[in-house]
Amino acid sequence: MSVMEYMLMGLGLLLIYITYFIISRDSQQNKKIDSMATVIEDLHRQIYALETQIRQEVDLLSAVDAPISKEEMNMAVERGMQSIAEPVAASLEGVEHNISTFKDDFNKRLHHLEDGMRSLAMPSAVNSMDDAKIIARFKQGAELETIAKELHLSKAEVEFVLKINKIR
């Protein structure tokens, strides 16, 4: 097997590993999102129960013979709603923080993977000394296969150097 075939096999294995890593991270994040959804559903249930309780208390207050002004009733309802809204707002801020943390973590990992893929894009076997030798031999009229054999490189690497240097 040639060096290029080993590189392709290594790249293939790396892609398989990256795919596995992404799938496993995705399943972990889905679990986190599901747990957040459960918390939000519980909050909605609690809000509904409190709203029902407030309606019942308002009905009881309106049934009492003592007249209650509309303003007093509105203030009582507003206080009840505020006491309900504060814990819900605090919980939503926590959820928002968790989502922000997840987003930042995901972006860091994505940039790390992108940087890793960029380093794989350029072959490391060809260095600047080889570039000069390849160009010199090509200008002397040597065939690509001959240059590749002399410098222990693949034909594709020789072609790559010549194309980058705009010689071929």
Protein backbone atom coordinates (compact mmCIF):
# COMPACT_ATOMS: atom_id res chain seq x y z
CA MET A 1 0.00 0.00 0.00
CA SER A 2 1.26 3.49 -0.78
CA VAL A 3 1.45 6.42 1.57
CA MET A 4 -1.58 7.99 -0.13
CA GLU A 5 -3.67 4.88 0.53
CA TYR A 6 -2.66 4.95 4.19
CA MET A 7 -3.54 8.62 4.35
CA LEU A 8 -6.94 7.95 2.77
CA MET A 9 -7.59 5.09 5.19
CA GLY A 10 -6.57 7.31 8.12
CA LEU A 11 -8.81 10.10 6.86
CA GLY A 12 -11.68 7.63 6.50
CA LEU A 13 -11.18 6.38 10.05
CA LEU A 14 -11.01 9.96 11.29
CA LEU A 15 -14.29 10.79 9.55
CA ILE A 16 -15.93 7.72 11.09
CA TYR A 17 -14.68 8.76 14.53
CA ILE A 18 -15.90 12.35 14.04
CA THR A 19 -19.31 11.06 12.96
CA TYR A 20 -19.50 8.82 16.03
CA PHE A 21 -18.41 11.68 18.27
CA ILE A 22 -21.02 14.05 16.83
CA ILE A 23 -23.79 11.45 17.16
CA SER A 24 -22.88 10.68 20.77
CA ARG A 25 -22.69 14.38 21.68
CA ASP A 26 -25.99 14.98 19.93
CA SER A 27 -27.68 12.26 21.97
CA GLN A 28 -26.27 13.74 25.19
CA GLN A 29 -27.53 17.17 24.26
CA ASN A 30 -30.95 15.74 23.38
CA LYS A 31 -31.13 14.25 26.86
CA LYS A 32 -30.35 17.66 28.37
CA ILE A 33 -32.98 19.32 26.21
CA ASP A 34 -35.54 16.66 27.18
CA SER A 35 -34.87 17.27 30.87
CA MET A 36 -35.29 21.02 30.31
CA ALA A 37 -38.55 20.39 28.49
CA THR A 38 -39.79 18.34 31.45
CA VAL A 39 -38.96 21.18 33.83
CA ILE A 40 -40.78 23.66 31.60
CA GLU A 41 -43.85 21.39 31.45
CA ASP A 42 -43.85 21.16 35.25
CA LEU A 43 -43.69 24.95 35.44
CA HIS A 44 -46.65 25.24 33.08
CA ARG A 45 -48.63 22.83 35.24
CA GLN A 46 -47.82 24.84 38.35
CA ILE A 47 -48.82 28.08 36.63
CA TYR A 48 -52.10 26.55 35.55
CA ALA A 49 -52.80 25.29 39.08
CA LEU A 50 -52.04 28.70 40.58
CA GLU A 51 -54.20 30.49 38.01
CA THR A 52 -57.04 28.12 38.83
CA GLN A 53 -56.55 28.76 42.55
CA ILE A 54 -56.57 32.53 41.98
CA ARG A 55 -59.78 32.30 39.93
CA GLN A 56 -61.40 30.31 42.72
CA GLU A 57 -60.31 32.86 45.31
CA VAL A 58 -61.60 35.70 43.15
CA ASP A 59 -64.91 33.86 42.80
CA LEU A 60 -65.04 33.41 46.58
CA LEU A 61 -64.26 37.08 47.13
CA SER A 62 -66.93 38.16 44.67
CA ALA A 63 -69.45 35.87 46.38
CA VAL A 64 -68.85 37.54 49.77
CA ASP A 65 -71.43 40.14 50.67
CA ALA A 66 -68.81 42.77 51.51
CA PRO A 67 -68.30 44.89 48.47
CA ILE A 68 -64.77 44.83 47.10
CA SER A 69 -63.79 47.49 44.68
CA LYS A 70 -62.62 46.55 41.27
CA GLU A 71 -59.24 48.17 41.98
CA GLU A 72 -58.70 46.07 45.11
CA MET A 73 -59.56 42.93 43.19
CA ASN A 74 -57.18 43.87 40.37
CA MET A 75 -54.40 44.55 42.89
CA ALA A 76 -54.99 41.17 44.59
CA VAL A 77 -54.88 39.38 41.24
CA GLU A 78 -51.78 41.35 40.22
CA ARG A 79 -49.97 40.39 43.46
CA GLY A 80 -50.93 36.75 42.94
CA MET A 81 -49.72 36.79 39.35
CA GLN A 82 -46.47 38.51 40.36
CA SER A 83 -45.79 35.85 42.99
CA ILE A 84 -46.31 33.24 40.29
CA ALA A 85 -44.29 35.03 37.62
CA GLU A 86 -41.13 35.57 39.69
CA PRO A 87 -40.23 31.86 40.15
CA VAL A 88 -41.14 31.16 36.53
CA ALA A 89 -38.90 34.01 35.36
CA ALA A 90 -36.04 32.74 37.53
CA SER A 91 -36.45 29.22 36.11
CA LEU A 92 -36.51 30.54 32.56
CA GLU A 93 -33.32 32.51 33.20
CA GLY A 94 -31.68 29.27 34.35
CA VAL A 95 -32.86 27.49 31.20
CA GLU A 96 -31.60 30.40 29.08
CA HIS A 97 -28.20 30.20 30.81
CA ASN A 98 -28.03 26.42 30.17
CA ILE A 99 -28.85 26.92 26.50
CA SER A 100 -26.23 29.68 26.21
CA THR A 101 -23.61 27.45 27.86
CA PHE A 102 -24.53 24.59 25.53
CA LYS A 103 -24.26 26.90 22.50
CA ASP A 104 -20.84 28.21 23.56
CA ASP A 105 -19.56 24.68 24.24
CA PHE A 106 -20.88 23.45 20.90
CA ASN A 107 -19.26 26.37 19.01
CA LYS A 108 -15.89 25.74 20.71
CA ARG A 109 -16.00 22.08 19.75
CA LEU A 110 -17.03 22.91 16.21
CA HIS A 111 -14.12 25.35 15.81
CA HIS A 112 -11.76 22.73 17.24
CA LEU A 113 -12.99 20.15 14.71
CA GLU A 114 -12.70 22.66 11.87
CA ASP A 115 -9.12 23.48 12.87
CA GLY A 116 -8.34 19.77 12.98
CA MET A 117 -9.80 19.25 9.52
CA ARG A 118 -7.78 22.18 8.14
CA SER A 119 -4.56 20.62 9.39
CA LEU A 120 -5.47 17.41 7.55
CA ALA A 121 -6.10 19.26 4.29
CA MET A 122 -2.43 19.98 3.58
CA PRO A 123 -0.12 17.01 3.17
CA SER A 124 2.65 17.17 5.73
CA ALA A 125 5.09 14.97 3.80
CA VAL A 126 5.92 17.70 1.28
CA ASN A 127 8.15 20.43 2.70
CA SER A 128 9.76 23.49 1.15
CA MET A 129 13.02 21.67 0.37
CA ASP A 130 11.07 19.05 -1.56
CA ASP A 131 9.23 21.85 -3.39
CA ALA A 132 12.49 23.28 -4.70
CA LYS A 133 13.77 19.84 -5.72
CA ILE A 134 10.49 18.99 -7.47
CA ILE A 135 10.45 22.26 -9.39
CA ALA A 136 14.12 21.96 -10.37
CA ARG A 137 13.73 18.36 -11.60
CA PHE A 138 10.54 19.23 -13.50
CA LYS A 139 12.27 22.14 -15.25
CA GLN A 140 15.10 19.76 -16.19
CA GLY A 141 12.47 17.69 -18.00
CA ALA A 142 12.08 14.77 -15.59
CA GLU A 143 8.80 12.85 -15.64
CA LEU A 144 6.42 13.10 -12.66
CA GLU A 145 6.82 9.41 -11.81
CA THR A 146 10.62 9.75 -11.83
CA ILE A 147 10.54 12.80 -9.53
CA ALA A 148 8.14 11.00 -7.18
CA LYS A 149 10.41 7.93 -6.98
CA GLU A 150 13.58 9.96 -6.45
CA LEU A 151 12.08 12.01 -3.61
CA HIS A 152 10.02 9.15 -2.13
CA LEU A 153 6.74 10.99 -2.71
CA SER A 154 3.53 10.07 -4.43
CA LYS A 155 2.77 11.28 -7.92
CA ALA A 156 -0.20 13.21 -6.52
CA GLU A 157 2.08 15.10 -4.11
CA VAL A 158 4.41 16.05 -6.94
CA GLU A 159 1.46 17.25 -9.04
CA PHE A 160 0.14 19.15 -6.02
CA VAL A 161 3.43 21.04 -5.54
CA LEU A 162 3.59 21.92 -9.23
CA LYS A 163 0.00 23.15 -9.25
CA ILE A 164 0.47 25.25 -6.12
CA ASN A 165 3.53 26.87 -7.65
CA LYS A 166 1.59 27.34 -10.90
CA ILE A 167 4.13 25.47 -12.94
CA ARG A 168 1.78 22.85 -14.27
